[in-house]
PDB file of N, CA and C in Angstrom:
ATOM      1  N   MET A   1       0.819  -1.185   0.000  1.00  0.00           N
ATOM      2  CA  MET A   1       0.000   0.000   0.000  1.00  0.00           C
ATOM      3  C   MET A   1       0.869   1.257   0.000  1.00  0.00           C
ATOM      4  N   ALA A   2       1.991   1.217   0.673  1.00  0.00           N
ATOM      5  CA  ALA A   2       2.908   2.345   0.699  1.00  0.00           C
ATOM      6  C   ALA A   2       3.446   2.622  -0.691  1.00  0.00           C
ATOM      7  N   LYS A   3       3.666   1.557  -1.458  1.00  0.00           N
ATOM      8  CA  LYS A   3       4.161   1.734  -2.828  1.00  0.00           C
ATOM      9  C   LYS A   3       3.116   2.413  -3.696  1.00  0.00           C
ATOM     10  N   LYS A   4       1.848   2.081  -3.447  1.00  0.00           N
ATOM     11  CA  LYS A   4       0.765   2.674  -4.211  1.00  0.00           C
ATOM     12  C   LYS A   4       0.704   4.185  -3.992  1.00  0.00           C
ATOM     13  N   LYS A   5       0.845   4.618  -2.728  1.00  0.00           N
ATOM     14  CA  LYS A   5       0.825   6.043  -2.410  1.00  0.00           C
ATOM     15  C   LYS A   5       2.007   6.758  -3.044  1.00  0.00           C
ATOM     16  N   GLU A   6       3.156   6.106  -3.045  1.00  0.00           N
ATOM     17  CA  GLU A   6       4.347   6.714  -3.653  1.00  0.00           C
ATOM     18  C   GLU A   6       4.122   6.917  -5.134  1.00  0.00           C
ATOM     19  N   LYS A   7       3.507   5.913  -5.804  1.00  0.00           N
ATOM     20  CA  LYS A   7       3.251   6.023  -7.244  1.00  0.00           C
ATOM     21  C   LYS A   7       2.250   7.146  -7.528  1.00  0.00           C
ATOM     22  N   GLU A   8       1.219   7.280  -6.677  1.00  0.00           N
ATOM     23  CA  GLU A   8       0.232   8.343  -6.865  1.00  0.00           C
ATOM     24  C   GLU A   8       0.869   9.709  -6.718  1.00  0.00           C
ATOM     25  N   GLU A   9       1.766   9.834  -5.754  1.00  0.00           N
ATOM     26  CA  GLU A   9       2.452  11.109  -5.563  1.00  0.00           C
ATOM     27  C   GLU A   9       3.345  11.421  -6.752  1.00  0.00           C
ATOM     28  N   GLU A  10       3.939  10.397  -7.338  1.00  0.00           N
ATOM     29  CA  GLU A  10       4.809  10.610  -8.490  1.00  0.00           C
ATOM     30  C   GLU A  10       4.008  11.021  -9.712  1.00  0.00           C
ATOM     31  N   LYS A  11       2.750  10.592  -9.824  1.00  0.00           N
ATOM     32  CA  LYS A  11       1.928  10.884 -10.983  1.00  0.00           C
ATOM     33  C   LYS A  11       1.503  12.339 -11.032  1.00  0.00           C
ATOM     34  N   GLN A  12       1.451  13.008  -9.898  1.00  0.00           N
ATOM     35  CA  GLN A  12       1.021  14.400  -9.861  1.00  0.00           C
ATOM     36  C   GLN A  12       2.055  15.265 -10.581  1.00  0.00           C
ATOM     37  N   PRO A  13       1.586  16.123 -11.467  1.00  0.00           N
ATOM     38  CA  PRO A  13       2.531  16.986 -12.195  1.00  0.00           C
ATOM     39  C   PRO A  13       3.167  18.013 -11.269  1.00  0.00           C
ATOM     40  N   GLU A  14       4.368  18.359 -11.587  1.00  0.00           N
ATOM     41  CA  GLU A  14       5.065  19.373 -10.790  1.00  0.00           C
ATOM     42  C   GLU A  14       4.555  20.754 -11.182  1.00  0.00           C
ATOM     43  N   ILE A  15       4.415  21.588 -10.184  1.00  0.00           N
ATOM     44  CA  ILE A  15       4.000  22.965 -10.441  1.00  0.00           C
ATOM     45  C   ILE A  15       5.253  23.792 -10.628  1.00  0.00           C
ATOM     46  N   THR A  16       5.303  24.484 -11.748  1.00  0.00           N
ATOM     47  CA  THR A  16       6.497  25.276 -12.057  1.00  0.00           C
ATOM     48  C   THR A  16       6.378  26.665 -11.451  1.00  0.00           C
ATOM     49  N   SER A  17       7.506  27.318 -11.365  1.00  0.00           N
ATOM     50  CA  SER A  17       7.507  28.682 -10.818  1.00  0.00           C
ATOM     51  C   SER A  17       6.725  29.622 -11.729  1.00  0.00           C
ATOM     52  N   GLU A  18       6.736  29.354 -13.033  1.00  0.00           N
ATOM     53  CA  GLU A  18       5.965  30.185 -13.968  1.00  0.00           C
ATOM     54  C   GLU A  18       4.474  30.053 -13.690  1.00  0.00           C
ATOM     55  N   GLN A  19       4.033  28.838 -13.384  1.00  0.00           N
ATOM     56  CA  GLN A  19       2.622  28.631 -13.081  1.00  0.00           C
ATOM     57  C   GLN A  19       2.234  29.357 -11.785  1.00  0.00           C
ATOM     58  N   ILE A  20       3.119  29.315 -10.821  1.00  0.00           N
ATOM     59  CA  ILE A  20       2.864  30.013  -9.566  1.00  0.00           C
ATOM     60  C   ILE A  20       2.778  31.510  -9.806  1.00  0.00           C
ATOM     61  N   ILE A  21       3.699  32.031 -10.613  1.00  0.00           N
ATOM     62  CA  ILE A  21       3.711  33.467 -10.914  1.00  0.00           C
ATOM     63  C   ILE A  21       2.433  33.863 -11.646  1.00  0.00           C
ATOM     64  N   GLU A  22       2.020  33.061 -12.625  1.00  0.00           N
ATOM     65  CA  GLU A  22       0.791  33.361 -13.365  1.00  0.00           C
ATOM     66  C   GLU A  22      -0.428  33.331 -12.442  1.00  0.00           C
ATOM     67  N   SER A  23      -0.448  32.364 -11.545  1.00  0.00           N
ATOM     68  CA  SER A  23      -1.542  32.274 -10.580  1.00  0.00           C
ATOM     69  C   SER A  23      -1.554  33.502  -9.677  1.00  0.00           C
ATOM     70  N   MET A  24      -0.382  33.919  -9.235  1.00  0.00           N
ATOM     71  CA  MET A  24      -0.285  35.100  -8.381  1.00  0.00           C
ATOM     72  C   MET A  24      -0.696  36.357  -9.138  1.00  0.00           C
ATOM     73  N   LYS A  25      -0.361  36.431 -10.425  1.00  0.00           N
ATOM     74  CA  LYS A  25      -0.778  37.587 -11.232  1.00  0.00           C
ATOM     75  C   LYS A  25      -2.297  37.643 -11.323  1.00  0.00           C
ATOM     76  N   GLY A  26      -2.913  36.495 -11.519  1.00  0.00           N
ATOM     77  CA  GLY A  26      -4.369  36.445 -11.582  1.00  0.00           C
ATOM     78  C   GLY A  26      -4.992  36.870 -10.261  1.00  0.00           C
ATOM     79  N   ASP A  27      -4.419  36.374  -9.160  1.00  0.00           N
ATOM     80  CA  ASP A  27      -4.919  36.759  -7.837  1.00  0.00           C
ATOM     81  C   ASP A  27      -4.766  38.257  -7.624  1.00  0.00           C
ATOM     82  N   TYR A  28      -3.620  38.796  -8.044  1.00  0.00           N
ATOM     83  CA  TYR A  28      -3.369  40.235  -7.886  1.00  0.00           C
ATOM     84  C   TYR A  28      -4.387  41.040  -8.690  1.00  0.00           C
ATOM     85  N   THR A  29      -4.650  40.606  -9.913  1.00  0.00           N
ATOM     86  CA  THR A  29      -5.613  41.306 -10.758  1.00  0.00           C
ATOM     87  C   THR A  29      -7.006  41.275 -10.127  1.00  0.00           C
ATOM     88  N   ASN A  30      -7.381  40.110  -9.599  1.00  0.00           N
ATOM     89  CA  ASN A  30      -8.689  40.007  -8.938  1.00  0.00           C
ATOM     90  C   ASN A  30      -8.766  40.918  -7.722  1.00  0.00           C
ATOM     91  N   LEU A  31      -7.706  40.949  -6.926  1.00  0.00           N
ATOM     92  CA  LEU A  31      -7.680  41.811  -5.743  1.00  0.00           C
ATOM     93  C   LEU A  31      -7.740  43.282  -6.130  1.00  0.00           C
ATOM     94  N   LEU A  32      -7.027  43.643  -7.182  1.00  0.00           N
ATOM     95  CA  LEU A  32      -7.030  45.028  -7.647  1.00  0.00           C
ATOM     96  C   LEU A  32      -8.427  45.433  -8.118  1.00  0.00           C
ATOM     97  N   THR A  33      -9.068  44.560  -8.848  1.00  0.00           N
ATOM     98  CA  THR A  33     -10.431  44.834  -9.314  1.00  0.00           C
ATOM     99  C   THR A  33     -11.376  44.997  -8.131  1.00  0.00           C
ATOM    100  N   TYR A  34     -11.247  44.132  -7.149  1.00  0.00           N
ATOM    101  CA  TYR A  34     -12.088  44.211  -5.953  1.00  0.00           C
ATOM    102  C   TYR A  34     -11.833  45.505  -5.190  1.00  0.00           C
ATOM    103  N   ALA A  35     -10.559  45.880  -5.058  1.00  0.00           N
ATOM    104  CA  ALA A  35     -10.217  47.120  -4.348  1.00  0.00           C
ATOM    105  C   ALA A  35     -10.795  48.335  -5.072  1.00  0.00           C
ATOM    106  N   GLN A  36     -10.740  48.323  -6.399  1.00  0.00           N
ATOM    107  CA  GLN A  36     -11.300  49.435  -7.165  1.00  0.00           C
ATOM    108  C   GLN A  36     -12.810  49.502  -6.989  1.00  0.00           C
ATOM    109  N   SER A  37     -13.445  48.355  -6.944  1.00  0.00           N
ATOM    110  CA  SER A  37     -14.891  48.305  -6.710  1.00  0.00           C
ATOM    111  C   SER A  37     -15.231  48.865  -5.332  1.00  0.00           C
ATOM    112  N   LEU A  38     -14.459  48.494  -4.335  1.00  0.00           N
ATOM    113  CA  LEU A  38     -14.680  49.018  -2.981  1.00  0.00           C
ATOM    114  C   LEU A  38     -14.470  50.525  -2.943  1.00  0.00           C
ATOM    115  N   GLU A  39     -13.460  50.992  -3.641  1.00  0.00           N
ATOM    116  CA  GLU A  39     -13.188  52.432  -3.673  1.00  0.00           C
ATOM    117  C   GLU A  39     -14.374  53.180  -4.279  1.00  0.00           C
ATOM    118  N   LYS A  40     -14.944  52.645  -5.349  1.00  0.00           N
ATOM    119  CA  LYS A  40     -16.103  53.261  -5.987  1.00  0.00           C
ATOM    120  C   LYS A  40     -17.291  53.260  -5.028  1.00  0.00           C
ATOM    121  N   THR A  41     -17.476  52.165  -4.307  1.00  0.00           N
ATOM    122  CA  THR A  41     -18.567  52.074  -3.342  1.00  0.00           C
ATOM    123  C   THR A  41     -18.405  53.119  -2.247  1.00  0.00           C
ATOM    124  N   VAL A  42     -17.196  53.276  -1.750  1.00  0.00           N
ATOM    125  CA  VAL A  42     -16.922  54.267  -0.703  1.00  0.00           C
ATOM    126  C   VAL A  42     -17.204  55.674  -1.234  1.00  0.00           C
ATOM    127  N   GLN A  43     -16.783  55.956  -2.462  1.00  0.00           N
ATOM    128  CA  GLN A  43     -17.045  57.270  -3.046  1.00  0.00           C
ATOM    129  C   GLN A  43     -18.540  57.525  -3.174  1.00  0.00           C
ATOM    130  N   ASP A  44     -19.277  56.514  -3.614  1.00  0.00           N
ATOM    131  CA  ASP A  44     -20.730  56.656  -3.742  1.00  0.00           C
ATOM    132  C   ASP A  44     -21.380  56.930  -2.386  1.00  0.00           C
ATOM    133  N   LEU A  45     -20.933  56.208  -1.371  1.00  0.00           N
ATOM    134  CA  LEU A  45     -21.492  56.409  -0.033  1.00  0.00           C
ATOM    135  C   LEU A  45     -21.165  57.798   0.502  1.00  0.00           C
ATOM    136  N   ARG A  46     -19.954  58.257   0.270  1.00  0.00           N
ATOM    137  CA  ARG A  46     -19.591  59.611   0.713  1.00  0.00           C
ATOM    138  C   ARG A  46     -20.463  60.663   0.027  1.00  0.00           C
ATOM    139  N   GLN A  47     -20.723  60.448  -1.255  1.00  0.00           N
ATOM    140  CA  GLN A  47     -21.565  61.390  -1.990  1.00  0.00           C
ATOM    141  C   GLN A  47     -22.983  61.386  -1.422  1.00  0.00           C
ATOM    142  N   LYS A  48     -23.506  60.205  -1.112  1.00  0.00           N
ATOM    143  CA  LYS A  48     -24.844  60.119  -0.526  1.00  0.00           C
ATOM    144  C   LYS A  48     -24.887  60.820   0.825  1.00  0.00           C
ATOM    145  N   ILE A  49     -23.833  60.656   1.613  1.00  0.00           N
ATOM    146  CA  ILE A  49     -23.773  61.321   2.919  1.00  0.00           C
ATOM    147  C   ILE A  49     -23.823  62.828   2.741  1.00  0.00           C
ATOM    148  N   GLU A  50     -23.081  63.344   1.762  1.00  0.00           N
ATOM    149  CA  GLU A  50     -23.094  64.786   1.512  1.00  0.00           C
ATOM    150  C   GLU A  50     -24.497  65.262   1.139  1.00  0.00           C
ATOM    151  N   VAL A  51     -25.181  64.481   0.300  1.00  0.00           N
ATOM    152  CA  VAL A  51     -26.544  64.842  -0.102  1.00  0.00           C
ATOM    153  C   VAL A  51     -27.467  64.830   1.107  1.00  0.00           C
ATOM    154  N   TYR A  52     -27.367  63.785   1.929  1.00  0.00           N
ATOM    155  CA  TYR A  52     -28.224  63.692   3.113  1.00  0.00           C
ATOM    156  C   TYR A  52     -27.935  64.826   4.103  1.00  0.00           C
ATOM    157  N   GLU A  53     -26.672  65.192   4.249  1.00  0.00           N
ATOM    158  CA  GLU A  53     -26.342  66.308   5.145  1.00  0.00           C
ATOM    159  C   GLU A  53     -26.930  67.611   4.621  1.00  0.00           C
ATOM    160  N   ALA A  54     -26.870  67.804   3.309  1.00  0.00           N
ATOM    161  CA  ALA A  54     -27.455  69.006   2.721  1.00  0.00           C
ATOM    162  C   ALA A  54     -28.967  69.013   2.916  1.00  0.00           C
ATOM    163  N   MET A  55     -29.586  67.847   2.744  1.00  0.00           N
ATOM    164  CA  MET A  55     -31.031  67.750   2.956  1.00  0.00           C
ATOM    165  C   MET A  55     -31.375  68.031   4.413  1.00  0.00           C
ATOM    166  N   GLN A  56     -30.559  67.523   5.325  1.00  0.00           N
ATOM    167  CA  GLN A  56     -30.794  67.752   6.749  1.00  0.00           C
ATOM    168  C   GLN A  56     -30.704  69.238   7.075  1.00  0.00           C
ATOM    169  N   THR A  57     -29.711  69.909   6.519  1.00  0.00           N
ATOM    170  CA  THR A  57     -29.551  71.344   6.738  1.00  0.00           C
ATOM    171  C   THR A  57     -30.771  72.091   6.205  1.00  0.00           C
ATOM    172  N   GLN A  58     -31.233  71.692   5.015  1.00  0.00           N
ATOM    173  CA  GLN A  58     -32.409  72.336   4.430  1.00  0.00           C
ATOM    174  C   GLN A  58     -33.644  72.098   5.295  1.00  0.00           C
ATOM    175  N   LEU A  59     -33.790  70.871   5.773  1.00  0.00           N
ATOM    176  CA  LEU A  59     -34.951  70.567   6.619  1.00  0.00           C
ATOM    177  C   LEU A  59     -34.922  71.344   7.929  1.00  0.00           C
ATOM    178  N   LEU A  60     -33.744  71.504   8.512  1.00  0.00           N
ATOM    179  CA  LEU A  60     -33.641  72.295   9.735  1.00  0.00           C
ATOM    180  C   LEU A  60     -34.035  73.747   9.482  1.00  0.00           C
ATOM    181  N   GLY A  61     -33.609  74.269   8.330  1.00  0.00           N
ATOM    182  CA  GLY A  61     -34.000  75.629   7.957  1.00  0.00           C
ATOM    183  C   GLY A  61     -35.504  75.735   7.774  1.00  0.00           C
ATOM    184  N   ASP A  62     -36.075  74.735   7.095  1.00  0.00           N
ATOM    185  CA  ASP A  62     -37.529  74.717   6.897  1.00  0.00           C
ATOM    186  C   ASP A  62     -38.251  74.632   8.235  1.00  0.00           C
ATOM    187  N   LYS A  63     -37.714  73.829   9.148  1.00  0.00           N
ATOM    188  CA  LYS A  63     -38.330  73.676  10.464  1.00  0.00           C
ATOM    189  C   LYS A  63     -38.353  75.016  11.197  1.00  0.00           C
ATOM    190  N   ARG A  64     -37.250  75.749  11.140  1.00  0.00           N
ATOM    191  CA  ARG A  64     -37.193  77.066  11.788  1.00  0.00           C
ATOM    192  C   ARG A  64     -38.226  78.016  11.185  1.00  0.00           C
ATOM    193  N   GLU A  65     -38.316  77.996   9.853  1.00  0.00           N
ATOM    194  CA  GLU A  65     -39.286  78.865   9.186  1.00  0.00           C
ATOM    195  C   GLU A  65     -40.712  78.512   9.594  1.00  0.00           C
ATOM    196  N   LEU A  66     -41.010  77.214   9.646  1.00  0.00           N
ATOM    197  CA  LEU A  66     -42.357  76.791  10.027  1.00  0.00           C
ATOM    198  C   LEU A  66     -42.674  77.172  11.473  1.00  0.00           C
ATOM    199  N   LYS A  67     -41.692  76.999  12.363  1.00  0.00           N
ATOM    200  CA  LYS A  67     -41.912  77.397  13.755  1.00  0.00           C
ATOM    201  C   LYS A  67     -42.190  78.885  13.849  1.00  0.00           C
ATOM    202  N   SER A  68     -41.453  79.659  13.092  1.00  0.00           N
ATOM    203  CA  SER A  68     -41.654  81.111  13.088  1.00  0.00           C
ATOM    204  C   SER A  68     -43.025  81.452  12.530  1.00  0.00           C
ATOM    205  N   TYR A  69     -43.419  80.779  11.453  1.00  0.00           N
ATOM    206  CA  TYR A  69     -44.730  81.026  10.845  1.00  0.00           C
ATOM    207  C   TYR A  69     -45.843  80.642  11.811  1.00  0.00           C
ATOM    208  N   ILE A  70     -45.710  79.500  12.477  1.00  0.00           N
ATOM    209  CA  ILE A  70     -46.721  79.059  13.456  1.00  0.00           C
ATOM    210  C   ILE A  70     -46.808  80.056  14.610  1.00  0.00           C
ATOM    211  N   SER A  71     -45.657  80.507  15.059  1.00  0.00           N
ATOM    212  CA  SER A  71     -45.636  81.494  16.142  1.00  0.00           C
ATOM    213  C   SER A  71     -46.350  82.772  15.715  1.00  0.00           C
ATOM    214  N   SER A  72     -46.113  83.191  14.487  1.00  0.00           N
ATOM    215  CA  SER A  72     -46.763  84.390  13.962  1.00  0.00           C
ATOM    216  C   SER A  72     -48.276  84.185  13.885  1.00  0.00           C
ATOM    217  N   LEU A  73     -48.699  83.000  13.419  1.00  0.00           N
ATOM    218  CA  LEU A  73     -50.135  82.711  13.348  1.00  0.00           C
ATOM    219  C   LEU A  73     -50.758  82.679  14.736  1.00  0.00           C
ATOM    220  N   GLU A  74     -50.042  82.099  15.694  1.00  0.00           N
ATOM    221  CA  GLU A  74     -50.555  82.067  17.072  1.00  0.00           C
ATOM    222  C   GLU A  74     -50.704  83.475  17.632  1.00  0.00           C
ATOM    223  N   ASN A  75     -49.710  84.318  17.371  1.00  0.00           N
ATOM    224  CA  ASN A  75     -49.792  85.713  17.833  1.00  0.00           C
ATOM    225  C   ASN A  75     -50.987  86.428  17.203  1.00  0.00           C
ATOM    226  N   THR A  76     -51.168  86.210  15.909  1.00  0.00           N
ATOM    227  CA  THR A  76     -52.300  86.835  15.216  1.00  0.00           C
ATOM    228  C   THR A  76     -53.618  86.335  15.796  1.00  0.00           C
ATOM    229  N   LEU A  77     -53.694  85.021  16.054  1.00  0.00           N
ATOM    230  CA  LEU A  77     -54.898  84.436  16.633  1.00  0.00           C
ATOM    231  C   LEU A  77     -55.179  85.019  18.017  1.00  0.00           C
ATOM    232  N   ASN A  78     -54.131  85.101  18.836  1.00  0.00           N
ATOM    233  CA  ASN A  78     -54.297  85.674  20.188  1.00  0.00           C
ATOM    234  C   ASN A  78     -54.753  87.133  20.121  1.00  0.00           C
ATOM    235  N   GLN A  79     -54.175  87.887  19.193  1.00  0.00           N
ATOM    236  CA  GLN A  79     -54.579  89.285  19.041  1.00  0.00           C
ATOM    237  C   GLN A  79     -56.037  89.379  18.598  1.00  0.00           C
ATOM    238  N   ALA A  80     -56.444  88.479  17.714  1.00  0.00           N
ATOM    239  CA  ALA A  80     -57.837  88.503  17.244  1.00  0.00           C
ATOM    240  C   ALA A  80     -58.771  88.138  18.381  1.00  0.00           C
ATOM    241  N   ARG A  81     -58.390  87.185  19.197  1.00  0.00           N
ATOM    242  CA  ARG A  81     -59.222  86.810  20.346  1.00  0.00           C
ATOM    243  C   ARG A  81     -59.368  87.979  21.341  1.00  0.00           C
ATOM    244  N   GLN A  82     -58.235  88.639  21.570  1.00  0.00           N
ATOM    245  CA  GLN A  82     -58.266  89.763  22.509  1.00  0.00           C
ATOM    246  C   GLN A  82     -59.126  90.907  21.991  1.00  0.00           C
ATOM    247  N   SER A  83     -59.067  91.157  20.706  1.00  0.00           N
ATOM    248  CA  SER A  83     -59.851  92.258  20.148  1.00  0.00           C
ATOM    249  C   SER A  83     -61.345  91.934  20.133  1.00  0.00           C
ATOM    250  N   THR A  84     -61.685  90.647  19.985  1.00  0.00           N
ATOM    251  CA  THR A  84     -63.102  90.295  19.984  1.00  0.00           C
ATOM    252  C   THR A  84     -63.654  90.269  21.407  1.00  0.00           C
ATOM    253  N   GLN A  85     -62.802  90.000  22.395  1.00  0.00           N
ATOM    254  CA  GLN A  85     -63.244  89.988  23.783  1.00  0.00           C
ATOM    255  C   GLN A  85     -63.398  91.398  24.340  1.00  0.00           C
ATOM    256  N   SER A  86     -62.724  92.325  23.753  1.00  0.00           N
ATOM    257  CA  SER A  86     -62.774  93.696  24.285  1.00  0.00           C
ATOM    258  C   SER A  86     -64.002  94.431  23.876  1.00  0.00           C
TER     259      SER A  86
END
């Protein structure tokens, strides 16, 4: 049985340094492509964050305006109530 294992090991082709280098080049290319994809994803997310921050700033401004408008309407309502009670 030991002889059988030795023969099986001998049948396996030897891997050359050129094959290893080619395999490593392929791995490097795949990693580079993946890294570029991640970089694009990060850029897209940063852009979305900028848009959301701008929207948040706009909404805060709108909120202030609405509060001011509501306050003005309340003042007008109170003045109208006071004038009708007098």
